[in-house]
Amino acid sequence: MTVGLGANGGIVSDAADEARFLVSLMQGKLLKPAQLAALETPSRWSNYGLGTGIDESGCAGVAYGHNGGGDGFTTSVFVSGDGRRVAVLLANGRTADDHGDALVHTAMSRLYCAA
């Protein structure tokens, strides 16, 4: 039996393109105000809102982000609500346990706070 990964890694982009997208998104250039407000609102069950993690950054207020990965890669992004602070981390390689993902999350937080 073959297990398919679907669109895992099917979008081709680079960090600069992703950053431009995130800045445009948060500055209201891509969604109507009500749609952007819904993206920025956590669900009542978690800190997740319409495909976006909503967390305190530890250095610059609330950060909106998303991460993902597959065999051999992981990605992570954070952006501020006004789009003035953005960080994109693309990593080649991934561990079989959560250790590597935790390292990427720590690196992402440091990158975002340095932006």
N, C-alpha and C. Protein backbone atom coordinates (compact mmCIF):
# COMPACT_ATOMS: atom_id res chain seq x y z
N MET A 1 0.84 -1.18 0.00
CA MET A 1 0.00 0.00 0.00
C MET A 1 0.88 1.24 0.00
N THR A 2 0.58 2.18 -0.85
CA THR A 2 1.31 3.43 -0.94
C THR A 2 0.52 4.52 -0.23
N VAL A 3 1.19 5.26 0.60
CA VAL A 3 0.56 6.37 1.30
C VAL A 3 0.90 7.65 0.56
N GLY A 4 -0.09 8.40 0.15
CA GLY A 4 0.14 9.66 -0.55
C GLY A 4 0.19 10.83 0.40
N LEU A 5 0.96 11.81 0.05
CA LEU A 5 1.07 13.00 0.87
C LEU A 5 0.26 14.15 0.32
N GLY A 6 -0.50 13.92 -0.72
CA GLY A 6 -1.32 14.99 -1.28
C GLY A 6 -0.49 16.16 -1.74
N ALA A 7 -0.87 17.34 -1.34
CA ALA A 7 -0.18 18.56 -1.77
C ALA A 7 0.98 18.93 -0.86
N ASN A 8 1.41 18.01 -0.03
CA ASN A 8 2.52 18.25 0.89
C ASN A 8 3.72 18.79 0.13
N GLY A 9 4.03 20.06 0.34
CA GLY A 9 5.16 20.68 -0.35
C GLY A 9 4.84 21.08 -1.77
N GLY A 10 3.56 21.08 -2.15
CA GLY A 10 3.18 21.33 -3.54
C GLY A 10 3.21 22.80 -3.95
N ILE A 11 3.37 23.71 -3.02
CA ILE A 11 3.45 25.13 -3.37
C ILE A 11 4.92 25.52 -3.35
N VAL A 12 5.36 26.13 -4.42
CA VAL A 12 6.75 26.53 -4.52
C VAL A 12 6.85 28.03 -4.27
N SER A 13 7.65 28.39 -3.30
CA SER A 13 7.83 29.78 -2.94
C SER A 13 9.19 29.92 -2.27
N ASP A 14 9.55 31.13 -1.94
CA ASP A 14 10.75 31.35 -1.14
C ASP A 14 10.39 32.26 0.02
N ALA A 15 11.32 32.48 0.90
CA ALA A 15 11.04 33.26 2.11
C ALA A 15 10.62 34.68 1.79
N ALA A 16 11.22 35.30 0.80
CA ALA A 16 10.86 36.68 0.45
C ALA A 16 9.43 36.77 -0.08
N ASP A 17 9.03 35.83 -0.94
CA ASP A 17 7.65 35.82 -1.44
C ASP A 17 6.66 35.60 -0.31
N GLU A 18 6.97 34.68 0.58
CA GLU A 18 6.09 34.41 1.71
C GLU A 18 5.96 35.65 2.60
N ALA A 19 7.05 36.32 2.85
CA ALA A 19 7.01 37.54 3.67
C ALA A 19 6.15 38.62 3.01
N ARG A 20 6.30 38.80 1.71
CA ARG A 20 5.46 39.80 1.00
C ARG A 20 3.99 39.44 1.11
N PHE A 21 3.67 38.16 0.96
CA PHE A 21 2.29 37.70 1.10
C PHE A 21 1.75 38.03 2.49
N LEU A 22 2.52 37.70 3.53
CA LEU A 22 2.07 37.93 4.90
C LEU A 22 1.87 39.41 5.21
N VAL A 23 2.78 40.25 4.75
CA VAL A 23 2.64 41.69 4.95
C VAL A 23 1.38 42.20 4.26
N SER A 24 1.16 41.80 3.02
CA SER A 24 -0.05 42.22 2.29
C SER A 24 -1.31 41.71 2.97
N LEU A 25 -1.27 40.47 3.46
CA LEU A 25 -2.41 39.90 4.15
C LEU A 25 -2.78 40.72 5.38
N MET A 26 -1.80 40.97 6.23
CA MET A 26 -2.09 41.65 7.50
C MET A 26 -2.35 43.14 7.32
N GLN A 27 -1.92 43.72 6.22
CA GLN A 27 -2.21 45.13 5.96
C GLN A 27 -3.53 45.32 5.23
N GLY A 28 -4.31 44.25 5.11
CA GLY A 28 -5.66 44.35 4.56
C GLY A 28 -5.73 44.45 3.05
N LYS A 29 -4.70 44.06 2.36
CA LYS A 29 -4.68 44.17 0.89
C LYS A 29 -5.26 42.94 0.19
N LEU A 30 -5.50 41.86 0.95
CA LEU A 30 -5.95 40.62 0.32
C LEU A 30 -7.34 40.17 0.77
N LEU A 31 -7.76 40.57 1.95
CA LEU A 31 -9.05 40.16 2.48
C LEU A 31 -9.90 41.37 2.85
N LYS A 32 -11.19 41.18 2.86
CA LYS A 32 -12.09 42.22 3.36
C LYS A 32 -11.88 42.34 4.87
N PRO A 33 -12.19 43.50 5.45
CA PRO A 33 -11.96 43.68 6.89
C PRO A 33 -12.59 42.61 7.77
N ALA A 34 -13.81 42.18 7.47
CA ALA A 34 -14.46 41.15 8.29
C ALA A 34 -13.73 39.81 8.19
N GLN A 35 -13.20 39.50 7.01
CA GLN A 35 -12.46 38.25 6.84
C GLN A 35 -11.14 38.29 7.61
N LEU A 36 -10.46 39.43 7.55
CA LEU A 36 -9.20 39.57 8.28
C LEU A 36 -9.46 39.51 9.79
N ALA A 37 -10.53 40.13 10.24
CA ALA A 37 -10.89 40.08 11.67
C ALA A 37 -11.14 38.64 12.11
N ALA A 38 -11.79 37.84 11.26
CA ALA A 38 -12.04 36.44 11.59
C ALA A 38 -10.73 35.67 11.67
N LEU A 39 -9.79 35.96 10.79
CA LEU A 39 -8.48 35.30 10.80
C LEU A 39 -7.73 35.63 12.09
N GLU A 40 -7.92 36.83 12.60
CA GLU A 40 -7.21 37.30 13.79
C GLU A 40 -7.90 36.92 15.11
N THR A 41 -9.03 36.26 15.03
CA THR A 41 -9.81 35.93 16.23
C THR A 41 -9.65 34.45 16.56
N PRO A 42 -9.12 34.15 17.75
CA PRO A 42 -8.97 32.73 18.12
C PRO A 42 -10.33 32.08 18.35
N SER A 43 -10.38 30.79 18.12
CA SER A 43 -11.61 30.05 18.42
C SER A 43 -11.81 30.03 19.92
N ARG A 44 -12.98 29.69 20.35
CA ARG A 44 -13.21 29.64 21.80
C ARG A 44 -12.57 28.43 22.44
N TRP A 45 -12.06 27.49 21.65
CA TRP A 45 -11.44 26.28 22.18
C TRP A 45 -9.92 26.32 22.17
N SER A 46 -9.32 27.20 21.37
CA SER A 46 -7.85 27.20 21.29
C SER A 46 -7.37 28.57 20.82
N ASN A 47 -6.06 28.68 20.66
CA ASN A 47 -5.46 29.92 20.16
C ASN A 47 -5.33 29.88 18.64
N TYR A 48 -6.19 29.16 17.99
CA TYR A 48 -6.12 28.98 16.55
C TYR A 48 -7.34 29.61 15.91
N GLY A 49 -7.11 30.43 14.88
CA GLY A 49 -8.22 31.06 14.20
C GLY A 49 -8.09 30.96 12.69
N LEU A 50 -8.99 30.29 12.04
CA LEU A 50 -9.03 30.17 10.57
C LEU A 50 -7.66 29.94 9.93
N GLY A 51 -6.96 28.93 10.35
CA GLY A 51 -5.68 28.57 9.75
C GLY A 51 -4.49 29.33 10.30
N THR A 52 -4.70 30.08 11.36
CA THR A 52 -3.64 30.93 11.90
C THR A 52 -3.49 30.71 13.40
N GLY A 53 -2.27 30.43 13.83
CA GLY A 53 -2.00 30.39 15.26
C GLY A 53 -1.88 31.81 15.78
N ILE A 54 -2.42 32.06 16.95
CA ILE A 54 -2.41 33.39 17.54
C ILE A 54 -1.75 33.27 18.91
N ASP A 55 -0.56 33.85 19.04
CA ASP A 55 0.22 33.67 20.25
C ASP A 55 0.93 34.97 20.64
N GLU A 56 1.22 35.10 21.92
CA GLU A 56 2.08 36.18 22.39
C GLU A 56 3.50 35.88 21.91
N SER A 57 4.14 36.85 21.31
CA SER A 57 5.47 36.63 20.74
C SER A 57 6.57 36.63 21.80
N GLY A 58 6.31 37.25 22.94
CA GLY A 58 7.34 37.37 23.95
C GLY A 58 8.21 38.59 23.77
N CYS A 59 8.01 39.31 22.66
CA CYS A 59 8.84 40.49 22.42
C CYS A 59 8.09 41.64 21.76
N ALA A 60 7.00 41.35 21.08
CA ALA A 60 6.34 42.40 20.31
C ALA A 60 4.83 42.17 20.23
N GLY A 61 4.23 41.78 21.33
CA GLY A 61 2.78 41.57 21.33
C GLY A 61 2.37 40.30 20.62
N VAL A 62 1.18 40.33 20.08
CA VAL A 62 0.60 39.15 19.43
C VAL A 62 1.28 38.90 18.08
N ALA A 63 1.56 37.63 17.81
CA ALA A 63 2.09 37.22 16.52
C ALA A 63 1.13 36.19 15.92
N TYR A 64 0.89 36.31 14.64
CA TYR A 64 0.05 35.37 13.90
C TYR A 64 1.00 34.48 13.11
N GLY A 65 0.74 33.20 13.13
CA GLY A 65 1.68 32.32 12.47
C GLY A 65 1.07 31.01 12.01
N HIS A 66 1.90 30.27 11.33
CA HIS A 66 1.52 28.94 10.87
C HIS A 66 2.81 28.17 10.60
N ASN A 67 2.74 26.88 10.78
CA ASN A 67 3.90 26.06 10.46
C ASN A 67 3.43 24.77 9.82
N GLY A 68 4.37 24.07 9.26
CA GLY A 68 4.05 22.81 8.63
C GLY A 68 5.32 22.15 8.16
N GLY A 69 5.17 20.97 7.65
CA GLY A 69 6.36 20.27 7.18
C GLY A 69 6.02 18.88 6.70
N GLY A 70 7.00 18.21 6.28
CA GLY A 70 6.87 16.86 5.79
C GLY A 70 8.20 16.16 5.96
N ASP A 71 8.36 15.06 5.25
CA ASP A 71 9.62 14.34 5.31
C ASP A 71 10.74 15.23 4.79
N GLY A 72 11.64 15.62 5.65
CA GLY A 72 12.83 16.35 5.23
C GLY A 72 12.72 17.86 5.20
N PHE A 73 11.59 18.45 5.59
CA PHE A 73 11.50 19.91 5.61
C PHE A 73 10.47 20.37 6.62
N THR A 74 10.62 21.60 7.06
CA THR A 74 9.62 22.25 7.90
C THR A 74 9.65 23.74 7.61
N THR A 75 8.52 24.38 7.79
CA THR A 75 8.41 25.81 7.59
C THR A 75 7.69 26.42 8.78
N SER A 76 7.97 27.68 9.05
CA SER A 76 7.32 28.38 10.14
C SER A 76 7.31 29.87 9.80
N VAL A 77 6.18 30.53 10.09
CA VAL A 77 6.08 31.97 9.84
C VAL A 77 5.41 32.64 11.03
N PHE A 78 5.81 33.88 11.30
CA PHE A 78 5.15 34.77 12.25
C PHE A 78 5.01 36.13 11.59
N VAL A 79 3.90 36.81 11.85
CA VAL A 79 3.70 38.16 11.35
C VAL A 79 2.89 38.93 12.39
N SER A 80 3.18 40.21 12.52
CA SER A 80 2.43 41.05 13.45
C SER A 80 1.09 41.46 12.82
N GLY A 81 0.17 41.90 13.65
CA GLY A 81 -1.15 42.28 13.18
C GLY A 81 -1.16 43.42 12.18
N ASP A 82 -0.14 44.27 12.24
CA ASP A 82 -0.07 45.38 11.28
C ASP A 82 0.87 45.07 10.10
N GLY A 83 1.47 43.89 10.11
CA GLY A 83 2.35 43.49 9.02
C GLY A 83 3.71 44.15 9.03
N ARG A 84 4.04 44.88 10.09
CA ARG A 84 5.33 45.58 10.12
C ARG A 84 6.48 44.70 10.59
N ARG A 85 6.16 43.59 11.21
CA ARG A 85 7.19 42.64 11.67
C ARG A 85 6.83 41.28 11.10
N VAL A 86 7.76 40.67 10.38
CA VAL A 86 7.50 39.37 9.77
C VAL A 86 8.79 38.55 9.76
N ALA A 87 8.63 37.26 9.97
CA ALA A 87 9.78 36.35 9.90
C ALA A 87 9.32 35.05 9.26
N VAL A 88 10.14 34.52 8.38
CA VAL A 88 9.85 33.27 7.69
C VAL A 88 11.07 32.37 7.85
N LEU A 89 10.85 31.16 8.31
CA LEU A 89 11.94 30.20 8.48
C LEU A 89 11.62 28.96 7.67
N LEU A 90 12.50 28.63 6.74
CA LEU A 90 12.38 27.43 5.92
C LEU A 90 13.57 26.54 6.27
N ALA A 91 13.30 25.33 6.72
CA ALA A 91 14.38 24.45 7.17
C ALA A 91 14.36 23.15 6.37
N ASN A 92 15.50 22.77 5.86
CA ASN A 92 15.67 21.47 5.22
C ASN A 92 16.11 20.49 6.28
N GLY A 93 15.34 19.46 6.46
CA GLY A 93 15.65 18.46 7.47
C GLY A 93 14.58 18.46 8.54
N ARG A 94 14.36 17.32 9.11
CA ARG A 94 13.36 17.19 10.16
C ARG A 94 13.65 15.91 10.94
N THR A 95 13.47 15.96 12.25
CA THR A 95 13.70 14.78 13.07
C THR A 95 12.44 13.93 13.12
N ALA A 96 12.60 12.69 13.49
CA ALA A 96 11.46 11.77 13.56
C ALA A 96 10.60 12.03 14.80
N ASP A 97 11.14 12.77 15.76
CA ASP A 97 10.37 13.09 16.97
C ASP A 97 10.09 14.60 17.01
N ASP A 98 9.53 15.07 18.09
CA ASP A 98 9.18 16.49 18.21
C ASP A 98 10.37 17.38 18.53
N HIS A 99 11.52 16.80 18.81
CA HIS A 99 12.70 17.58 19.19
C HIS A 99 13.08 18.62 18.13
N GLY A 100 13.13 18.20 16.89
CA GLY A 100 13.50 19.11 15.81
C GLY A 100 12.48 20.22 15.63
N ASP A 101 11.19 19.89 15.74
CA ASP A 101 10.15 20.92 15.61
C ASP A 101 10.27 21.95 16.73
N ALA A 102 10.63 21.50 17.92
CA ALA A 102 10.82 22.43 19.04
C ALA A 102 12.00 23.36 18.77
N LEU A 103 13.06 22.84 18.18
CA LEU A 103 14.21 23.67 17.83
C LEU A 103 13.83 24.72 16.79
N VAL A 104 13.04 24.32 15.81
CA VAL A 104 12.58 25.27 14.78
C VAL A 104 11.71 26.35 15.41
N HIS A 105 10.82 25.96 16.33
CA HIS A 105 9.96 26.94 16.98
C HIS A 105 10.79 27.96 17.77
N THR A 106 11.80 27.48 18.48
CA THR A 106 12.68 28.38 19.23
C THR A 106 13.43 29.32 18.29
N ALA A 107 13.96 28.78 17.20
CA ALA A 107 14.66 29.62 16.22
C ALA A 107 13.71 30.63 15.60
N MET A 108 12.47 30.21 15.32
CA MET A 108 11.48 31.12 14.73
C MET A 108 11.18 32.28 15.68
N SER A 109 11.02 31.98 16.94
CA SER A 109 10.75 33.03 17.94
C SER A 109 11.90 34.03 18.00
N ARG A 110 13.11 33.53 18.00
CA ARG A 110 14.28 34.43 18.03
C ARG A 110 14.37 35.28 16.76
N LEU A 111 14.11 34.67 15.63
CA LEU A 111 14.14 35.39 14.35
C LEU A 111 13.08 36.49 14.34
N TYR A 112 11.88 36.18 14.79
CA TYR A 112 10.78 37.15 14.81
C TYR A 112 11.13 38.31 15.75
N CYS A 113 11.67 38.01 16.91
CA CYS A 113 11.99 39.06 17.88
C CYS A 113 13.15 39.93 17.40
N ALA A 114 14.00 39.40 16.54
CA ALA A 114 15.12 40.18 15.99
C ALA A 114 14.70 41.02 14.79
N ALA A 115 13.53 40.74 14.23
CA ALA A 115 13.07 41.44 13.00
C ALA A 115 12.76 42.90 13.29
